[in-house]
Each structure stands twice: as structure tokens, then as C-alpha cells.
Amino acid sequence: MKLSLKGLALSFGIIWGVCLFLMTLLAVYFNGYGSEFLMAMPESVYPWYTISLKGSFIGLVMGFVDGAVCGLVFGWLYNLFAKK
């Protein structure tokens, strides 16, 4: 079975971008309830990303790109190894 690289890249990108967007909005809404611990990793990985409303949209775009690249690599490796 061969995976569609375009479909996998888009689905991974959408899922990770929306997850990062929603996590940021929840961290903004529930400020002071451990959101600093939860969001420390994305702030250290993605440049220009902050826990704010503006940062949630930046996280959406950067998460989409990151997820799409990961989905593309995953699908490419799967198709490569599935041939053998």
C-alpha cells in the first residue's frame, strides 16, 4: 500500500497547526494555571511564538508548516520501506 504524500502532509499540518493554536488559546484563557509549564516547549522551538492571541496565529502557521514537513518525511519513509 502506498501513502499519498500530499494528503499525509496536509493532514499532519492541519492537525498540528490546530492543536498548537488551541493549546495557545487555552493557555491565554487560563493564565496562571500551569500554562507556563505546558507552553515552554513550543516557545523554545518556534521563533516569534509567544503565549498571546497573536502568538496563537503564529503557532497555527508555524505548526502547519512543521506538521506538513513531518508528514511528508513520514510518508516518504513509509513508501520507501513498504517497497522492500
C-alpha atoms as a PDB file:
ATOM      1  CA  MET A   1       0.000   0.000   0.000  1.00  0.00           C
ATOM      2  CA  LYS A   2       1.359   3.404  -0.964  1.00  0.00           C
ATOM      3  CA  LEU A   3       0.541   6.540   1.020  1.00  0.00           C
ATOM      4  CA  SER A   4      -0.336   9.855  -0.608  1.00  0.00           C
ATOM      5  CA  LEU A   5       2.424  12.273   0.350  1.00  0.00           C
ATOM      6  CA  LYS A   6       0.293  15.349  -0.314  1.00  0.00           C
ATOM      7  CA  GLY A   7      -2.624  14.021   1.742  1.00  0.00           C
ATOM      8  CA  LEU A   8      -0.419  12.953   4.612  1.00  0.00           C
ATOM      9  CA  ALA A   9       1.475  16.255   4.670  1.00  0.00           C
ATOM     10  CA  LEU A  10      -1.765  18.274   4.657  1.00  0.00           C
ATOM     11  CA  SER A  11      -3.409  16.174   7.367  1.00  0.00           C
ATOM     12  CA  PHE A  12      -0.361  16.271   9.658  1.00  0.00           C
ATOM     13  CA  GLY A  13      -0.007  20.015   9.079  1.00  0.00           C
ATOM     14  CA  ILE A  14      -3.648  20.781   9.798  1.00  0.00           C
ATOM     15  CA  ILE A  15      -3.742  18.617  12.913  1.00  0.00           C
ATOM     16  CA  TRP A  16      -0.536  20.018  14.438  1.00  0.00           C
ATOM     17  CA  GLY A  17      -1.329  23.625  13.495  1.00  0.00           C
ATOM     18  CA  VAL A  18      -4.816  23.483  15.023  1.00  0.00           C
ATOM     19  CA  CYS A  19      -3.519  21.701  18.148  1.00  0.00           C
ATOM     20  CA  LEU A  20      -0.882  24.370  18.708  1.00  0.00           C
ATOM     21  CA  PHE A  21      -3.464  27.107  18.049  1.00  0.00           C
ATOM     22  CA  LEU A  22      -5.945  25.661  20.558  1.00  0.00           C
ATOM     23  CA  MET A  23      -3.266  24.991  23.195  1.00  0.00           C
ATOM     24  CA  THR A  24      -2.179  28.618  22.961  1.00  0.00           C
ATOM     25  CA  LEU A  25      -5.724  29.945  23.236  1.00  0.00           C
ATOM     26  CA  LEU A  26      -6.332  27.749  26.281  1.00  0.00           C
ATOM     27  CA  ALA A  27      -3.077  28.958  27.840  1.00  0.00           C
ATOM     28  CA  VAL A  28      -4.142  32.586  27.257  1.00  0.00           C
ATOM     29  CA  TYR A  29      -7.630  31.979  28.669  1.00  0.00           C
ATOM     30  CA  PHE A  30      -6.472  30.007  31.734  1.00  0.00           C
ATOM     31  CA  ASN A  31      -3.500  32.229  32.549  1.00  0.00           C
ATOM     32  CA  GLY A  32      -1.839  31.181  35.780  1.00  0.00           C
ATOM     33  CA  TYR A  33      -2.988  27.536  35.794  1.00  0.00           C
ATOM     34  CA  GLY A  34       0.269  25.878  34.782  1.00  0.00           C
ATOM     35  CA  SER A  35       0.242  27.273  31.256  1.00  0.00           C
ATOM     36  CA  GLU A  36       3.890  28.323  31.544  1.00  0.00           C
ATOM     37  CA  PHE A  37       4.948  24.713  32.044  1.00  0.00           C
ATOM     38  CA  LEU A  38       2.741  23.451  29.211  1.00  0.00           C
ATOM     39  CA  MET A  39       3.858  26.041  26.670  1.00  0.00           C
ATOM     40  CA  ALA A  40       7.591  26.150  27.494  1.00  0.00           C
ATOM     41  CA  MET A  41       8.443  23.701  24.708  1.00  0.00           C
ATOM     42  CA  PRO A  42       6.705  25.458  21.789  1.00  0.00           C
ATOM     43  CA  GLU A  43       8.185  28.799  22.850  1.00  0.00           C
ATOM     44  CA  SER A  44      11.679  27.314  22.740  1.00  0.00           C
ATOM     45  CA  VAL A  45      11.173  25.546  19.380  1.00  0.00           C
ATOM     46  CA  TYR A  46       9.279  28.108  17.270  1.00  0.00           C
ATOM     47  CA  PRO A  47      10.780  31.578  16.824  1.00  0.00           C
ATOM     48  CA  TRP A  48       8.396  34.562  17.195  1.00  0.00           C
ATOM     49  CA  TYR A  49       5.913  32.356  19.058  1.00  0.00           C
ATOM     50  CA  THR A  50       4.507  33.695  22.334  1.00  0.00           C
ATOM     51  CA  ILE A  51       1.585  32.866  24.569  1.00  0.00           C
ATOM     52  CA  SER A  52      -0.763  35.542  23.259  1.00  0.00           C
ATOM     53  CA  LEU A  53      -3.558  35.944  20.765  1.00  0.00           C
ATOM     54  CA  LYS A  54      -1.058  36.992  18.114  1.00  0.00           C
ATOM     55  CA  GLY A  55       1.168  34.065  19.086  1.00  0.00           C
ATOM     56  CA  SER A  56      -1.685  31.615  18.579  1.00  0.00           C
ATOM     57  CA  PHE A  57      -1.945  32.600  14.909  1.00  0.00           C
ATOM     58  CA  ILE A  58       1.829  32.446  14.522  1.00  0.00           C
ATOM     59  CA  GLY A  59       1.705  28.997  16.112  1.00  0.00           C
ATOM     60  CA  LEU A  60      -1.060  27.969  13.714  1.00  0.00           C
ATOM     61  CA  VAL A  61       1.058  28.832  10.674  1.00  0.00           C
ATOM     62  CA  MET A  62       4.331  27.500  12.042  1.00  0.00           C
ATOM     63  CA  GLY A  63       2.653  24.370  13.355  1.00  0.00           C
ATOM     64  CA  PHE A  64       1.093  23.751   9.954  1.00  0.00           C
ATOM     65  CA  VAL A  65       4.462  24.048   8.222  1.00  0.00           C
ATOM     66  CA  ASP A  66       6.188  21.871  10.818  1.00  0.00           C
ATOM     67  CA  GLY A  67       3.458  19.232  10.704  1.00  0.00           C
ATOM     68  CA  ALA A  68       3.389  19.216   6.911  1.00  0.00           C
ATOM     69  CA  VAL A  69       7.136  18.650   6.708  1.00  0.00           C
ATOM     70  CA  CYS A  70       6.935  15.860   9.300  1.00  0.00           C
ATOM     71  CA  GLY A  71       4.023  14.241   7.448  1.00  0.00           C
ATOM     72  CA  LEU A  72       5.884  14.457   4.164  1.00  0.00           C
ATOM     73  CA  VAL A  73       9.007  12.847   5.628  1.00  0.00           C
ATOM     74  CA  PHE A  74       6.954  10.170   7.389  1.00  0.00           C
ATOM     75  CA  GLY A  75       5.061   9.303   4.203  1.00  0.00           C
ATOM     76  CA  TRP A  76       8.207   9.289   2.091  1.00  0.00           C
ATOM     77  CA  LEU A  77       9.961   6.939   4.525  1.00  0.00           C
ATOM     78  CA  TYR A  78       6.914   4.689   4.754  1.00  0.00           C
ATOM     79  CA  ASN A  79       6.664   4.422   0.968  1.00  0.00           C
ATOM     80  CA  LEU A  80      10.395   3.769   0.729  1.00  0.00           C
ATOM     81  CA  PHE A  81      10.314   0.935   3.260  1.00  0.00           C
ATOM     82  CA  ALA A  82       6.999  -0.506   2.037  1.00  0.00           C
ATOM     83  CA  LYS A  83       8.593  -1.279  -1.345  1.00  0.00           C
ATOM     84  CA  LYS A  84      11.065  -3.677   0.272  1.00  0.00           C
END
